[in-house]
């Protein structure tokens, strides 16, 4: 299922999006000395088609900075689910 003007969700699209997001978050945090040293809480929200992608998103968020806390609110819903 796709939304208007959006690419279908595929593993390749998700991996690329995750990698790009991780780079952007790391770059922005690294430019601010206070944020780089702070304990951050990152909230993840959204829907993914599998537990594997959910786990991957959490792992990527945790890898953005040492000691980051992740508030995982991701929902898993198969693309085939109505």
C-alpha atoms as a PDB file:
ATOM      1  CA  UNK A   1       0.000   0.000   0.000  1.00  0.00           C
ATOM      2  CA  UNK A   2       1.349   3.420  -0.889  1.00  0.00           C
ATOM      3  CA  UNK A   3       0.229   6.920  -0.121  1.00  0.00           C
ATOM      4  CA  UNK A   4      -0.192   9.457  -2.870  1.00  0.00           C
ATOM      5  CA  UNK A   5       3.186  10.741  -4.150  1.00  0.00           C
ATOM      6  CA  UNK A   6       5.177   8.400  -1.887  1.00  0.00           C
ATOM      7  CA  UNK A   7       7.373   5.456  -2.792  1.00  0.00           C
ATOM      8  CA  UNK A   8       6.261   2.048  -1.536  1.00  0.00           C
ATOM      9  CA  UNK A   9       7.932   0.957   1.685  1.00  0.00           C
ATOM     10  CA  UNK A  10      10.715  -1.487   0.908  1.00  0.00           C
ATOM     11  CA  UNK A  11      13.675  -2.695   2.908  1.00  0.00           C
ATOM     12  CA  UNK A  12      16.036  -0.851   0.542  1.00  0.00           C
ATOM     13  CA  UNK A  13      14.114   2.437   0.948  1.00  0.00           C
ATOM     14  CA  UNK A  14      14.034   2.040   4.720  1.00  0.00           C
ATOM     15  CA  UNK A  15      17.749   1.226   4.999  1.00  0.00           C
ATOM     16  CA  UNK A  16      18.640   4.272   2.901  1.00  0.00           C
ATOM     17  CA  UNK A  17      16.311   6.518   4.893  1.00  0.00           C
ATOM     18  CA  UNK A  18      17.703   5.186   8.199  1.00  0.00           C
ATOM     19  CA  UNK A  19      21.297   5.739   7.116  1.00  0.00           C
ATOM     20  CA  UNK A  20      20.571   9.281   5.928  1.00  0.00           C
ATOM     21  CA  UNK A  21      18.675  10.119   9.113  1.00  0.00           C
ATOM     22  CA  UNK A  22      21.472   8.753  11.293  1.00  0.00           C
ATOM     23  CA  UNK A  23      24.045  10.885   9.473  1.00  0.00           C
ATOM     24  CA  UNK A  24      21.903  14.010   9.782  1.00  0.00           C
ATOM     25  CA  UNK A  25      21.244  13.498  13.501  1.00  0.00           C
ATOM     26  CA  UNK A  26      24.900  12.749  14.251  1.00  0.00           C
ATOM     27  CA  UNK A  27      26.080  15.787  12.292  1.00  0.00           C
ATOM     28  CA  UNK A  28      23.684  18.159  14.023  1.00  0.00           C
ATOM     29  CA  UNK A  29      24.441  16.886  17.514  1.00  0.00           C
ATOM     30  CA  UNK A  30      28.200  16.993  16.850  1.00  0.00           C
ATOM     31  CA  UNK A  31      28.049  20.714  16.005  1.00  0.00           C
ATOM     32  CA  UNK A  32      26.781  21.640  19.463  1.00  0.00           C
ATOM     33  CA  UNK A  33      29.187  21.051  22.336  1.00  0.00           C
ATOM     34  CA  UNK A  34      26.475  21.167  25.001  1.00  0.00           C
ATOM     35  CA  UNK A  35      24.241  18.684  23.165  1.00  0.00           C
ATOM     36  CA  UNK A  36      27.172  16.435  22.422  1.00  0.00           C
ATOM     37  CA  UNK A  37      27.840  16.187  26.174  1.00  0.00           C
ATOM     38  CA  UNK A  38      24.180  16.042  27.280  1.00  0.00           C
ATOM     39  CA  UNK A  39      22.108  12.995  28.075  1.00  0.00           C
ATOM     40  CA  UNK A  40      19.468  12.947  25.371  1.00  0.00           C
ATOM     41  CA  UNK A  41      16.157  11.146  25.137  1.00  0.00           C
ATOM     42  CA  UNK A  42      15.066  10.317  21.600  1.00  0.00           C
ATOM     43  CA  UNK A  43      11.447   9.361  20.931  1.00  0.00           C
ATOM     44  CA  UNK A  44      10.720   7.165  17.944  1.00  0.00           C
ATOM     45  CA  UNK A  45       7.167   7.137  16.598  1.00  0.00           C
ATOM     46  CA  UNK A  46       5.704   5.699  13.455  1.00  0.00           C
ATOM     47  CA  UNK A  47       4.774   2.410  11.875  1.00  0.00           C
ATOM     48  CA  UNK A  48       7.032  -0.196  10.294  1.00  0.00           C
ATOM     49  CA  UNK A  49       6.126  -3.486   8.607  1.00  0.00           C
ATOM     50  CA  UNK A  50       8.235  -5.782  10.843  1.00  0.00           C
ATOM     51  CA  UNK A  51       9.818  -6.267  14.259  1.00  0.00           C
ATOM     52  CA  UNK A  52      13.195  -6.407  12.535  1.00  0.00           C
ATOM     53  CA  UNK A  53      12.815  -2.877  11.181  1.00  0.00           C
ATOM     54  CA  UNK A  54      11.599  -1.684  14.557  1.00  0.00           C
ATOM     55  CA  UNK A  55      14.715  -3.108  16.218  1.00  0.00           C
ATOM     56  CA  UNK A  56      16.906  -1.614  13.520  1.00  0.00           C
ATOM     57  CA  UNK A  57      15.415   1.863  14.023  1.00  0.00           C
ATOM     58  CA  UNK A  58      16.014   1.656  17.778  1.00  0.00           C
ATOM     59  CA  UNK A  59      19.603   0.475  17.249  1.00  0.00           C
ATOM     60  CA  UNK A  60      20.301   3.326  14.817  1.00  0.00           C
ATOM     61  CA  UNK A  61      18.898   5.866  17.254  1.00  0.00           C
ATOM     62  CA  UNK A  62      21.044   4.473  20.071  1.00  0.00           C
ATOM     63  CA  UNK A  63      24.130   4.628  17.855  1.00  0.00           C
ATOM     64  CA  UNK A  64      23.674   8.359  17.192  1.00  0.00           C
ATOM     65  CA  UNK A  65      25.354   9.279  20.475  1.00  0.00           C
ATOM     66  CA  UNK A  66      26.775   7.484  23.490  1.00  0.00           C
ATOM     67  CA  UNK A  67      24.365   7.339  26.449  1.00  0.00           C
ATOM     68  CA  UNK A  68      21.300   8.357  24.420  1.00  0.00           C
ATOM     69  CA  UNK A  69      18.031   7.027  25.855  1.00  0.00           C
ATOM     70  CA  UNK A  70      15.481   5.808  23.316  1.00  0.00           C
ATOM     71  CA  UNK A  71      11.742   5.996  23.963  1.00  0.00           C
ATOM     72  CA  UNK A  72      10.488   3.381  21.479  1.00  0.00           C
ATOM     73  CA  UNK A  73       6.882   4.043  20.459  1.00  0.00           C
ATOM     74  CA  UNK A  74       7.128   2.405  17.031  1.00  0.00           C
ATOM     75  CA  UNK A  75       4.159   0.294  15.995  1.00  0.00           C
ATOM     76  CA  UNK A  76       4.573  -2.830  13.876  1.00  0.00           C
ATOM     77  CA  UNK A  77       1.929  -3.343  11.243  1.00  0.00           C
ATOM     78  CA  UNK A  78       2.375  -5.643   8.279  1.00  0.00           C
ATOM     79  CA  UNK A  79       1.836  -4.033   4.890  1.00  0.00           C
ATOM     80  CA  UNK A  80      -0.775  -6.741   4.289  1.00  0.00           C
ATOM     81  CA  UNK A  81      -2.738  -5.721   7.432  1.00  0.00           C
ATOM     82  CA  UNK A  82      -5.790  -3.562   6.750  1.00  0.00           C
END
